[in-house]
Every structure is written in C-alpha cells, then in structure tokens.
C-alpha atoms as a PDB file:
ATOM      1  CA  MET A   1     -15.148  27.382   0.402  1.00  0.00           C
ATOM      2  CA  TRP A   2     -13.814  29.823  -2.062  1.00  0.00           C
ATOM      3  CA  ALA A   3     -17.246  30.977  -3.286  1.00  0.00           C
ATOM      4  CA  VAL A   4     -18.464  31.519   0.264  1.00  0.00           C
ATOM      5  CA  MET A   5     -15.324  33.557   1.133  1.00  0.00           C
ATOM      6  CA  THR A   6     -15.817  35.916  -1.891  1.00  0.00           C
ATOM      7  CA  ARG A   7     -19.132  36.841  -0.370  1.00  0.00           C
ATOM      8  CA  LEU A   8     -17.641  37.688   3.021  1.00  0.00           C
ATOM      9  CA  GLU A   9     -16.591  41.162   4.137  1.00  0.00           C
ATOM     10  CA  ASP A  10     -13.057  41.547   5.588  1.00  0.00           C
ATOM     11  CA  PRO A  11     -13.248  41.284   9.453  1.00  0.00           C
ATOM     12  CA  LYS A  12     -11.252  44.471  10.028  1.00  0.00           C
ATOM     13  CA  LYS A  13     -11.976  45.128  13.663  1.00  0.00           C
ATOM     14  CA  HIS A  14     -11.430  41.583  15.233  1.00  0.00           C
ATOM     15  CA  ASN A  15      -7.921  40.527  14.143  1.00  0.00           C
ATOM     16  CA  LEU A  16      -9.331  37.727  12.190  1.00  0.00           C
ATOM     17  CA  SER A  17      -8.361  36.264   8.791  1.00  0.00           C
ATOM     18  CA  LEU A  18     -11.156  35.645   6.295  1.00  0.00           C
ATOM     19  CA  VAL A  19     -10.672  31.889   6.762  1.00  0.00           C
ATOM     20  CA  GLN A  20     -11.081  32.206  10.510  1.00  0.00           C
ATOM     21  CA  LYS A  21     -14.237  34.315   9.956  1.00  0.00           C
ATOM     22  CA  MET A  22     -15.688  31.632   7.691  1.00  0.00           C
ATOM     23  CA  LYS A  23     -14.979  28.934  10.323  1.00  0.00           C
ATOM     24  CA  LEU A  24     -16.717  31.002  13.001  1.00  0.00           C
ATOM     25  CA  TYR A  25     -19.739  31.308  10.781  1.00  0.00           C
ATOM     26  CA  ASP A  26     -19.660  27.580  10.181  1.00  0.00           C
ATOM     27  CA  GLY A  27     -19.894  26.943  14.028  1.00  0.00           C
ATOM     28  CA  LYS A  28     -16.199  26.102  14.647  1.00  0.00           C
ATOM     29  CA  VAL A  29     -14.621  27.056  17.938  1.00  0.00           C
ATOM     30  CA  LEU A  30     -11.630  29.442  17.884  1.00  0.00           C
ATOM     31  CA  PRO A  31      -9.647  30.381  20.993  1.00  0.00           C
ATOM     32  CA  GLY A  32     -10.599  33.823  22.125  1.00  0.00           C
ATOM     33  CA  TYR A  33     -13.767  34.107  20.117  1.00  0.00           C
ATOM     34  CA  THR A  34     -17.386  33.392  21.105  1.00  0.00           C
ATOM     35  CA  GLN A  35     -20.896  33.413  19.490  1.00  0.00           C
ATOM     36  CA  ASP A  36     -21.063  37.028  20.651  1.00  0.00           C
ATOM     37  CA  THR A  37     -18.149  37.725  18.279  1.00  0.00           C
ATOM     38  CA  VAL A  38     -20.163  36.100  15.380  1.00  0.00           C
ATOM     39  CA  LYS A  39     -23.189  38.316  16.209  1.00  0.00           C
ATOM     40  CA  GLU A  40     -20.889  41.386  16.163  1.00  0.00           C
ATOM     41  CA  LEU A  41     -19.301  40.338  12.824  1.00  0.00           C
ATOM     42  CA  ARG A  42     -22.668  39.882  11.241  1.00  0.00           C
ATOM     43  CA  LYS A  43     -24.024  43.166  12.526  1.00  0.00           C
ATOM     44  CA  GLU A  44     -21.092  45.067  11.092  1.00  0.00           C
ATOM     45  CA  ALA A  45     -21.262  43.417   7.672  1.00  0.00           C
ATOM     46  CA  LYS A  46     -24.450  45.088   6.290  1.00  0.00           C
ATOM     47  CA  ARG A  47     -24.175  43.748   2.683  1.00  0.00           C
ATOM     48  CA  GLU A  48     -22.378  40.475   3.442  1.00  0.00           C
ATOM     49  CA  GLY A  49     -23.538  37.636   1.133  1.00  0.00           C
ATOM     50  CA  MET A  50     -25.051  39.933  -1.472  1.00  0.00           C
ATOM     51  CA  GLU A  51     -21.997  40.011  -3.812  1.00  0.00           C
ATOM     52  CA  GLY A  52     -19.411  37.526  -4.937  1.00  0.00           C
ATOM     53  CA  ILE A  53     -18.974  34.309  -6.858  1.00  0.00           C
ATOM     54  CA  SER A  54     -22.177  32.345  -7.700  1.00  0.00           C
ATOM     55  CA  PRO A  55     -22.643  28.577  -7.203  1.00  0.00           C
ATOM     56  CA  ARG A  56     -23.320  28.335 -11.004  1.00  0.00           C
ATOM     57  CA  TYR A  57     -19.865  29.543 -11.753  1.00  0.00           C
ATOM     58  CA  VAL A  58     -18.260  27.009  -9.495  1.00  0.00           C
ATOM     59  CA  GLN A  59     -20.343  24.178 -11.014  1.00  0.00           C
ATOM     60  CA  ASP A  60     -19.262  25.293 -14.533  1.00  0.00           C
ATOM     61  CA  LYS A  61     -15.627  25.244 -13.528  1.00  0.00           C
ATOM     62  CA  ILE A  62     -15.977  21.760 -11.956  1.00  0.00           C
ATOM     63  CA  SER A  63     -17.589  20.477 -15.208  1.00  0.00           C
ATOM     64  CA  ASN A  64     -14.428  21.991 -17.057  1.00  0.00           C
ATOM     65  CA  ALA A  65     -12.088  20.192 -14.723  1.00  0.00           C
ATOM     66  CA  LEU A  66     -13.967  16.839 -15.416  1.00  0.00           C
ATOM     67  CA  VAL A  67     -13.824  17.497 -19.132  1.00  0.00           C
ATOM     68  CA  ASN A  68     -10.129  18.109 -19.137  1.00  0.00           C
ATOM     69  CA  ASP A  69      -9.390  15.162 -16.810  1.00  0.00           C
ATOM     70  CA  ALA A  70      -6.334  13.234 -18.072  1.00  0.00           C
ATOM     71  CA  GLY A  71      -8.013   9.910 -17.627  1.00  0.00           C
ATOM     72  CA  GLU A  72      -7.472   8.868 -14.041  1.00  0.00           C
ATOM     73  CA  GLY A  73     -11.257   8.945 -13.329  1.00  0.00           C
ATOM     74  CA  THR A  74     -11.010  11.525 -10.648  1.00  0.00           C
ATOM     75  CA  ILE A  75     -10.198  15.085 -10.274  1.00  0.00           C
ATOM     76  CA  ASN A  76      -8.353  16.771  -7.422  1.00  0.00           C
ATOM     77  CA  PRO A  77      -8.971  20.189  -5.691  1.00  0.00           C
ATOM     78  CA  PHE A  78      -6.070  21.795  -7.395  1.00  0.00           C
ATOM     79  CA  MET A  79      -7.621  21.051 -10.851  1.00  0.00           C
ATOM     80  CA  VAL A  80     -10.765  22.654  -9.714  1.00  0.00           C
ATOM     81  CA  LEU A  81      -9.041  25.711  -8.118  1.00  0.00           C
ATOM     82  CA  ASN A  82      -6.963  26.152 -11.315  1.00  0.00           C
ATOM     83  CA  GLU A  83     -10.105  26.339 -13.386  1.00  0.00           C
ATOM     84  CA  LEU A  84     -11.749  28.707 -10.990  1.00  0.00           C
ATOM     85  CA  ASP A  85      -8.638  30.948 -11.175  1.00  0.00           C
ATOM     86  CA  LYS A  86      -8.430  30.913 -15.117  1.00  0.00           C
ATOM     87  CA  GLY A  87     -12.166  31.654 -15.395  1.00  0.00           C
ATOM     88  CA  LEU A  88     -11.754  34.930 -13.417  1.00  0.00           C
ATOM     89  CA  ARG A  89     -10.078  36.571 -16.513  1.00  0.00           C
ATOM     90  CA  HIS A  90     -13.224  36.157 -18.566  1.00  0.00           C
ATOM     91  CA  HIS A  91     -15.924  36.359 -15.916  1.00  0.00           C
ATOM     92  CA  SER A  92     -18.552  38.770 -17.206  1.00  0.00           C
ATOM     93  CA  LEU A  93     -19.883  39.874 -13.779  1.00  0.00           C
ATOM     94  CA  ILE A  94     -16.411  40.920 -12.524  1.00  0.00           C
ATOM     95  CA  THR A  95     -16.425  44.610 -13.268  1.00  0.00           C
ATOM     96  CA  ASN A  96     -12.941  45.780 -12.194  1.00  0.00           C
ATOM     97  CA  ASP A  97      -9.332  44.520 -11.734  1.00  0.00           C
ATOM     98  CA  GLU A  98      -9.449  45.190  -7.972  1.00  0.00           C
ATOM     99  CA  GLN A  99     -12.314  42.728  -7.540  1.00  0.00           C
ATOM    100  CA  ARG A 100     -10.652  40.207  -9.849  1.00  0.00           C
ATOM    101  CA  LYS A 101      -7.397  40.500  -7.814  1.00  0.00           C
ATOM    102  CA  ARG A 102      -9.219  39.978  -4.545  1.00  0.00           C
ATOM    103  CA  PHE A 103     -10.916  36.905  -5.770  1.00  0.00           C
ATOM    104  CA  ALA A 104      -7.589  35.567  -7.033  1.00  0.00           C
ATOM    105  CA  GLU A 105      -5.931  36.124  -3.592  1.00  0.00           C
ATOM    106  CA  ILE A 106      -8.846  34.283  -1.914  1.00  0.00           C
ATOM    107  CA  ILE A 107      -7.951  31.288  -4.126  1.00  0.00           C
ATOM    108  CA  GLY A 108      -4.474  31.525  -2.711  1.00  0.00           C
ATOM    109  CA  LEU A 109      -6.036  31.357   0.854  1.00  0.00           C
ATOM    110  CA  VAL A 110      -8.007  28.327  -0.059  1.00  0.00           C
ATOM    111  CA  LYS A 111      -4.991  26.503  -1.528  1.00  0.00           C
ATOM    112  CA  ARG A 112      -3.002  27.093   1.714  1.00  0.00           C
ATOM    113  CA  GLU A 113      -5.958  26.028   3.904  1.00  0.00           C
ATOM    114  CA  TYR A 114      -6.335  22.867   1.739  1.00  0.00           C
ATOM    115  CA  GLU A 115      -2.542  22.125   2.127  1.00  0.00           C
ATOM    116  CA  GLU A 116      -3.011  22.322   5.861  1.00  0.00           C
ATOM    117  CA  ILE A 117      -5.974  20.008   5.757  1.00  0.00           C
ATOM    118  CA  VAL A 118      -4.182  17.316   3.761  1.00  0.00           C
ATOM    119  CA  LYS A 119      -0.998  17.552   5.813  1.00  0.00           C
ATOM    120  CA  ASN A 120      -3.117  17.084   8.936  1.00  0.00           C
ATOM    121  CA  GLU A 121      -4.868  14.081   7.377  1.00  0.00           C
ATOM    122  CA  VAL A 122      -1.615  12.409   6.400  1.00  0.00           C
ATOM    123  CA  GLN A 123      -0.131  13.095   9.799  1.00  0.00           C
ATOM    124  CA  ARG A 124      -3.159  11.477  11.445  1.00  0.00           C
ATOM    125  CA  ALA A 125      -2.943   8.498   9.137  1.00  0.00           C
ATOM    126  CA  ILE A 126       0.704   8.001   9.936  1.00  0.00           C
ATOM    127  CA  SER A 127       0.100   8.327  13.705  1.00  0.00           C
ATOM    128  CA  ALA A 128      -3.084   6.212  13.770  1.00  0.00           C
ATOM    129  CA  ASP A 129      -1.437   3.384  15.526  1.00  0.00           C
ATOM    130  CA  GLU A 130      -4.012   3.026  18.410  1.00  0.00           C
ATOM    131  CA  ASP A 131      -1.618   1.017  20.699  1.00  0.00           C
ATOM    132  CA  ALA A 132       1.269   3.435  20.267  1.00  0.00           C
ATOM    133  CA  VAL A 133      -0.721   6.579  20.869  1.00  0.00           C
ATOM    134  CA  SER A 134      -2.555   4.988  23.871  1.00  0.00           C
ATOM    135  CA  LYS A 135       0.782   4.126  25.461  1.00  0.00           C
ATOM    136  CA  LEU A 136       2.071   7.639  24.834  1.00  0.00           C
ATOM    137  CA  ALA A 137      -1.100   9.057  26.345  1.00  0.00           C
ATOM    138  CA  ALA A 138      -0.858   6.912  29.481  1.00  0.00           C
ATOM    139  CA  ASN A 139       2.822   7.851  29.982  1.00  0.00           C
ATOM    140  CA  TYR A 140       1.975  11.558  29.571  1.00  0.00           C
ATOM    141  CA  ILE A 141      -1.052  11.295  31.966  1.00  0.00           C
ATOM    142  CA  ASP A 142       1.170   9.470  34.590  1.00  0.00           C
ATOM    143  CA  ASN A 143       3.731  12.214  34.391  1.00  0.00           C
ATOM    144  CA  ILE A 144       1.275  15.186  34.675  1.00  0.00           C
ATOM    145  CA  LYS A 145      -0.526  13.558  37.526  1.00  0.00           C
ATOM    146  CA  ALA A 146       2.771  13.115  39.415  1.00  0.00           C
ATOM    147  CA  PHE A 147       3.744  16.673  38.461  1.00  0.00           C
ATOM    148  CA  THR A 148       0.449  18.370  39.628  1.00  0.00           C
ATOM    149  CA  LEU A 149       0.358  16.258  42.878  1.00  0.00           C
ATOM    150  CA  LYS A 150       4.048  16.685  43.500  1.00  0.00           C
ATOM    151  CA  GLU A 151       4.573  12.918  43.497  1.00  0.00           C
ATOM    152  CA  ARG A 152       7.052  10.599  41.821  1.00  0.00           C
ATOM    153  CA  VAL A 153       6.525   8.273  38.793  1.00  0.00           C
ATOM    154  CA  LYS A 154       7.290   4.606  38.967  1.00  0.00           C
ATOM    155  CA  ASN A 155       9.537   3.689  36.040  1.00  0.00           C
ATOM    156  CA  ARG A 156       7.770   0.944  34.187  1.00  0.00           C
ATOM    157  CA  TYR A 157      11.030  -0.729  33.285  1.00  0.00           C
ATOM    158  CA  THR A 158      13.238  -0.377  36.279  1.00  0.00           C
ATOM    159  CA  GLY A 159      10.522  -0.167  39.020  1.00  0.00           C
ATOM    160  CA  GLN A 160      12.298   2.889  40.523  1.00  0.00           C
ATOM    161  CA  ASP A 161      10.500   6.023  41.567  1.00  0.00           C
ATOM    162  CA  GLU A 162      11.589   9.048  39.516  1.00  0.00           C
ATOM    163  CA  GLU A 163      10.678  12.623  38.997  1.00  0.00           C
ATOM    164  CA  ALA A 164       8.071  13.503  36.363  1.00  0.00           C
ATOM    165  CA  ASP A 165       9.577  13.492  32.929  1.00  0.00           C
ATOM    166  CA  GLU A 166       9.621  17.188  32.063  1.00  0.00           C
ATOM    167  CA  ARG A 167      11.250  16.500  28.677  1.00  0.00           C
ATOM    168  CA  LEU A 168       8.501  14.091  27.641  1.00  0.00           C
ATOM    169  CA  MET A 169       5.667  16.414  28.838  1.00  0.00           C
ATOM    170  CA  ARG A 170       7.149  19.527  27.001  1.00  0.00           C
ATOM    171  CA  SER A 171       7.775  17.479  23.839  1.00  0.00           C
ATOM    172  CA  ILE A 172       4.008  16.726  23.682  1.00  0.00           C
ATOM    173  CA  GLU A 173       2.765  20.220  24.769  1.00  0.00           C
ATOM    174  CA  GLU A 174       5.038  22.133  22.386  1.00  0.00           C
ATOM    175  CA  LYS A 175       3.140  20.378  19.545  1.00  0.00           C
ATOM    176  CA  ILE A 176       0.171  22.534  20.206  1.00  0.00           C
ATOM    177  CA  ASP A 177       2.101  25.673  21.130  1.00  0.00           C
ATOM    178  CA  ILE A 178       1.654  25.519  24.898  1.00  0.00           C
ATOM    179  CA  PRO A 179       4.353  28.036  26.021  1.00  0.00           C
ATOM    180  CA  GLU A 180       6.563  27.446  29.112  1.00  0.00           C
ATOM    181  CA  ASN A 181       4.667  29.882  31.268  1.00  0.00           C
ATOM    182  CA  ARG A 182       1.312  28.161  30.460  1.00  0.00           C
ATOM    183  CA  LYS A 183       2.390  24.444  30.883  1.00  0.00           C
ATOM    184  CA  ASP A 184       1.164  24.299  34.449  1.00  0.00           C
ATOM    185  CA  ASP A 185      -2.265  25.549  33.583  1.00  0.00           C
ATOM    186  CA  PHE A 186      -2.646  23.139  30.628  1.00  0.00           C
ATOM    187  CA  ARG A 187      -1.513  20.156  32.871  1.00  0.00           C
ATOM    188  CA  ARG A 188      -4.150  21.137  35.533  1.00  0.00           C
ATOM    189  CA  GLU A 189      -6.753  21.616  32.815  1.00  0.00           C
ATOM    190  CA  ILE A 190      -6.172  18.024  31.707  1.00  0.00           C
ATOM    191  CA  MET A 191      -6.380  16.658  35.193  1.00  0.00           C
ATOM    192  CA  ASN A 192      -9.535  18.600  35.929  1.00  0.00           C
ATOM    193  CA  PHE A 193     -11.038  17.217  32.664  1.00  0.00           C
ATOM    194  CA  ILE A 194     -10.138  13.581  33.841  1.00  0.00           C
ATOM    195  CA  GLY A 195     -11.631  14.289  37.206  1.00  0.00           C
ATOM    196  CA  ALA A 196     -14.849  15.729  35.827  1.00  0.00           C
ATOM    197  CA  LEU A 197     -15.370  12.556  33.694  1.00  0.00           C
ATOM    198  CA  ALA A 198     -14.690  10.424  36.756  1.00  0.00           C
ATOM    199  CA  VAL A 199     -17.399  12.291  38.689  1.00  0.00           C
ATOM    200  CA  ASP A 200     -19.821  11.393  35.926  1.00  0.00           C
ATOM    201  CA  GLY A 201     -18.802   7.748  36.041  1.00  0.00           C
ATOM    202  CA  LYS A 202     -17.018   8.038  32.620  1.00  0.00           C
ATOM    203  CA  LYS A 203     -13.578   6.727  31.777  1.00  0.00           C
ATOM    204  CA  PHE A 204     -10.982   9.064  30.175  1.00  0.00           C
ATOM    205  CA  GLN A 205      -9.944   8.288  26.707  1.00  0.00           C
ATOM    206  CA  TRP A 206      -6.930  10.060  25.058  1.00  0.00           C
ATOM    207  CA  ASN A 207      -9.054  11.245  22.054  1.00  0.00           C
ATOM    208  CA  THR A 208     -11.941  12.758  24.108  1.00  0.00           C
ATOM    209  CA  ASN A 209      -9.962  16.055  24.697  1.00  0.00           C
ATOM    210  CA  GLU A 210      -9.321  17.650  21.354  1.00  0.00           C
ATOM    211  CA  ARG A 211      -6.202  19.606  22.239  1.00  0.00           C
ATOM    212  CA  LEU A 212      -4.578  16.583  23.904  1.00  0.00           C
ATOM    213  CA  ARG A 213      -5.532  14.355  20.931  1.00  0.00           C
ATOM    214  CA  ARG A 214      -3.849  16.679  18.431  1.00  0.00           C
ATOM    215  CA  ALA A 215      -0.806  16.986  20.573  1.00  0.00           C
ATOM    216  CA  LEU A 216      -0.340  13.246  20.937  1.00  0.00           C
ATOM    217  CA  GLU A 217      -0.888  12.644  17.273  1.00  0.00           C
ATOM    218  CA  LEU A 218       1.686  15.297  16.277  1.00  0.00           C
ATOM    219  CA  LYS A 219       4.194  13.796  18.780  1.00  0.00           C
ATOM    220  CA  LEU A 220       3.661  10.286  17.512  1.00  0.00           C
ATOM    221  CA  PHE A 221       3.900  11.546  13.830  1.00  0.00           C
ATOM    222  CA  GLU A 222       7.287  13.281  14.659  1.00  0.00           C
ATOM    223  CA  ASP A 223       8.552  10.020  16.176  1.00  0.00           C
ATOM    224  CA  GLN A 224       7.411   7.883  13.318  1.00  0.00           C
ATOM    225  CA  LYS A 225       7.931   9.968  10.171  1.00  0.00           C
ATOM    226  CA  ASP A 226      11.624   9.139   9.725  1.00  0.00           C
ATOM    227  CA  SER A 227      10.981   5.415  10.023  1.00  0.00           C
ATOM    228  CA  ILE A 228       8.354   5.733   7.362  1.00  0.00           C
ATOM    229  CA  LYS A 229      10.668   7.662   5.029  1.00  0.00           C
ATOM    230  CA  LEU A 230       7.801   9.719   3.586  1.00  0.00           C
ATOM    231  CA  LYS A 231      10.245  11.689   1.555  1.00  0.00           C
ATOM    232  CA  SER A 232      11.197   8.441  -0.382  1.00  0.00           C
ATOM    233  CA  LEU A 233       7.758   8.556  -2.000  1.00  0.00           C
ATOM    234  CA  VAL A 234       9.065  11.185  -4.405  1.00  0.00           C
ATOM    235  CA  SER A 235      11.965   9.137  -5.447  1.00  0.00           C
ATOM    236  CA  ALA A 236      11.880   6.454  -8.213  1.00  0.00           C
ATOM    237  CA  VAL A 237      12.699   3.501  -5.981  1.00  0.00           C
ATOM    238  CA  VAL A 238      10.921   2.546  -2.725  1.00  0.00           C
ATOM    239  CA  ASP A 239      12.109  -0.456  -0.737  1.00  0.00           C
ATOM    240  CA  LYS A 240       9.671  -3.185   0.223  1.00  0.00           C
ATOM    241  CA  ASP A 241       9.446  -2.306   3.952  1.00  0.00           C
ATOM    242  CA  THR A 242       8.807   1.323   3.196  1.00  0.00           C
ATOM    243  CA  GLN A 243       6.111   0.280   0.546  1.00  0.00           C
ATOM    244  CA  GLU A 244       4.288  -1.833   3.114  1.00  0.00           C
ATOM    245  CA  LYS A 245       4.214   1.104   5.527  1.00  0.00           C
ATOM    246  CA  ILE A 246       2.928   3.431   2.802  1.00  0.00           C
ATOM    247  CA  ASP A 247       0.094   0.927   1.861  1.00  0.00           C
ATOM    248  CA  ILE A 248      -1.052   0.994   5.459  1.00  0.00           C
ATOM    249  CA  ILE A 249      -1.191   4.856   5.471  1.00  0.00           C
ATOM    250  CA  LYS A 250      -3.164   4.825   2.199  1.00  0.00           C
ATOM    251  CA  SER A 251      -5.632   2.269   3.651  1.00  0.00           C
ATOM    252  CA  ARG A 252      -6.091   4.511   6.708  1.00  0.00           C
ATOM    253  CA  LEU A 253      -6.607   7.548   4.370  1.00  0.00           C
ATOM    254  CA  ILE A 254      -9.337   5.540   2.529  1.00  0.00           C
ATOM    255  CA  LYS A 255     -10.879   4.247   5.612  1.00  0.00           C
ATOM    256  CA  ASN A 256     -10.844   7.355   7.920  1.00  0.00           C
ATOM    257  CA  PHE A 257     -11.040  10.267   5.417  1.00  0.00           C
ATOM    258  CA  GLY A 258     -13.024   9.033   2.416  1.00  0.00           C
ATOM    259  CA  TYR A 259     -10.200   8.804  -0.181  1.00  0.00           C
ATOM    260  CA  ASN A 260     -10.088   6.281  -2.899  1.00  0.00           C
ATOM    261  CA  GLU A 261      -7.071   4.522  -4.191  1.00  0.00           C
ATOM    262  CA  VAL A 262      -6.136   7.228  -6.732  1.00  0.00           C
ATOM    263  CA  SER A 263      -6.781  10.282  -4.435  1.00  0.00           C
ATOM    264  CA  ALA A 264      -4.975   8.560  -1.500  1.00  0.00           C
ATOM    265  CA  THR A 265      -1.877   8.047  -3.615  1.00  0.00           C
ATOM    266  CA  ASP A 266      -2.102  11.604  -5.005  1.00  0.00           C
ATOM    267  CA  VAL A 267      -2.342  13.354  -1.646  1.00  0.00           C
ATOM    268  CA  LEU A 268       0.359  11.090  -0.093  1.00  0.00           C
ATOM    269  CA  ASN A 269       2.633  12.057  -3.097  1.00  0.00           C
ATOM    270  CA  TYR A 270       1.709  15.773  -2.626  1.00  0.00           C
ATOM    271  CA  VAL A 271       2.356  15.746   1.127  1.00  0.00           C
ATOM    272  CA  ALA A 272       5.536  13.840   0.571  1.00  0.00           C
ATOM    273  CA  SER A 273       6.831  16.523  -1.861  1.00  0.00           C
ATOM    274  CA  ILE A 274       6.133  19.082   0.860  1.00  0.00           C
ATOM    275  CA  PHE A 275       8.438  17.175   3.293  1.00  0.00           C
ATOM    276  CA  ALA A 276      10.976  16.653   0.492  1.00  0.00           C
ATOM    277  CA  ARG A 277      11.370  20.442   0.036  1.00  0.00           C
ATOM    278  CA  GLY A 278      11.239  21.005   3.773  1.00  0.00           C
ATOM    279  CA  ASP A 279       8.230  23.179   3.805  1.00  0.00           C
ATOM    280  CA  ALA A 280       6.184  21.223   6.392  1.00  0.00           C
ATOM    281  CA  LYS A 281       5.587  22.977   9.622  1.00  0.00           C
ATOM    282  CA  ASP A 282       7.100  21.425  12.717  1.00  0.00           C
END
C-alpha cells in the first residue's frame, strides 16, 4: 500500500485523500465518486507512477524485519512499517528532505488505515454471532416496514400492536452516519432493495446489503463489547468467562480473516489497547 501511495500524485481538485484515491484506482466504490472520476484523476496526473518507492526497497525492508524478529515466528505490519521508515534516512534515491518528509507522512497514513482495518476486523469478530445479528436485522426490518407503510408493529413478547421503534432504528442507522434528515430515504432504500430481490425470486439476507450489514455489526458490537470486557486484555488477570469469549473471538479472526494464533493474539491485544486508552471511534 505504502509503495503504491508514494507513486500517486495528490488529488488536489477532487476533495480526496491519497488513501481514497488509491481505493478508487483499486476498484473500490466511494460515495459521490464514479469511474468517470477515476478517468479524470488519471488524465490530470501526467507522471503518476513514474516516481516513488520501488518494490525492491519494500522487499529489502521486509527481509530486515524477518532478520530482526524476536523469535515469535511471525512479523506484524508495524515491524515492517518501522523498517520502511528507518530506511528512508539512508535511501540513496531520495534526493531531498521534502521528498523524504512526504514518504514518511504517507507511512503515517498507512498506519492509520491499518488501525481502522484491524479495528473493523475485531469488531466483526466480536459481532459475528449469526443468530444475534439475524434477530437484530429482523427486528429492524419489521420496524422500518411499519414505518414506511405507516403501520404498527406487533410486540413479539406482549402481542400488542405498537408504533415503530424509532429509538431502535436510529441506534442502528447512526452507526453508519445516516443523519436525521436522511433516515426516511435510507429506510425506503432498504425496503426497495428487499422488494427488488423479491421480484427476482430471491430472499433478503441481512448481509446482502453492505451498508445495512455494517450498521448491524457495529450496533451488535456496541451492545456486546462491554460484556466481553475487551479492555481487560491489557490487564494481567483475565477471568475464565472473559477468556472463553476472547478465545472465541480469536478463533473467528483465524477462520474469517486469515490470522494465525500469534497474529490473532497480537491484533486483539493491540485493539484492546486502543479501547483501553479510549481512542476507538464510536
């Protein structure tokens, strides 16, 4: 990621960060940007890709990280990034301090992006209880259906007909930054999505809509994180109940995201330290 970003020109005219530009080039979808944007970006950047860090430099620094490994048998991204950063001071092809400073700043961007990735993966591992998220999704769909059709919802416990649960709906929608004045549009969008699937003879699944999937997972994560006591990972003593839950999360990281035992433990401890110092985003 870092080597690629050093070869990109700053997207000055499109209100994009360098990370977002890289994602667009990689085929990712960003709200408000299209493939026409990508064509414009490439047209503006005449010498893009011609200058920057070489793959050979990255290979050499990965080799250094492996040689300096403390004996765990694996290296983590921060070890590699630190080697990349240290090597900038002696890189023979970096001709001025301004270029060296820019490359170092891009390493900072990569570290922040990596932090967001691992926080997201740990959040998804914590909220990967299929039954719980399915129930939350069904409850949300029942309520937005009643809201859009101006109907009432039958309370599953009392059997009484009630108004749609605005508090529940907003607690989910706010997780993906749906503002109050856009909530109606989002709810209709989900109902239209479900209707389009039905026309094609397909059944709606909560994870088939990317924005809804993310909102549900974040809501479930928020509801469960305190019971899992993630912050306790950075303490010396973990009780048996918490340890069992942590082991389940690690097994999900290994199964769903390709970690091994060592790296799953490392990333869980790292994300736990973020929560312990209160830096995690809501």
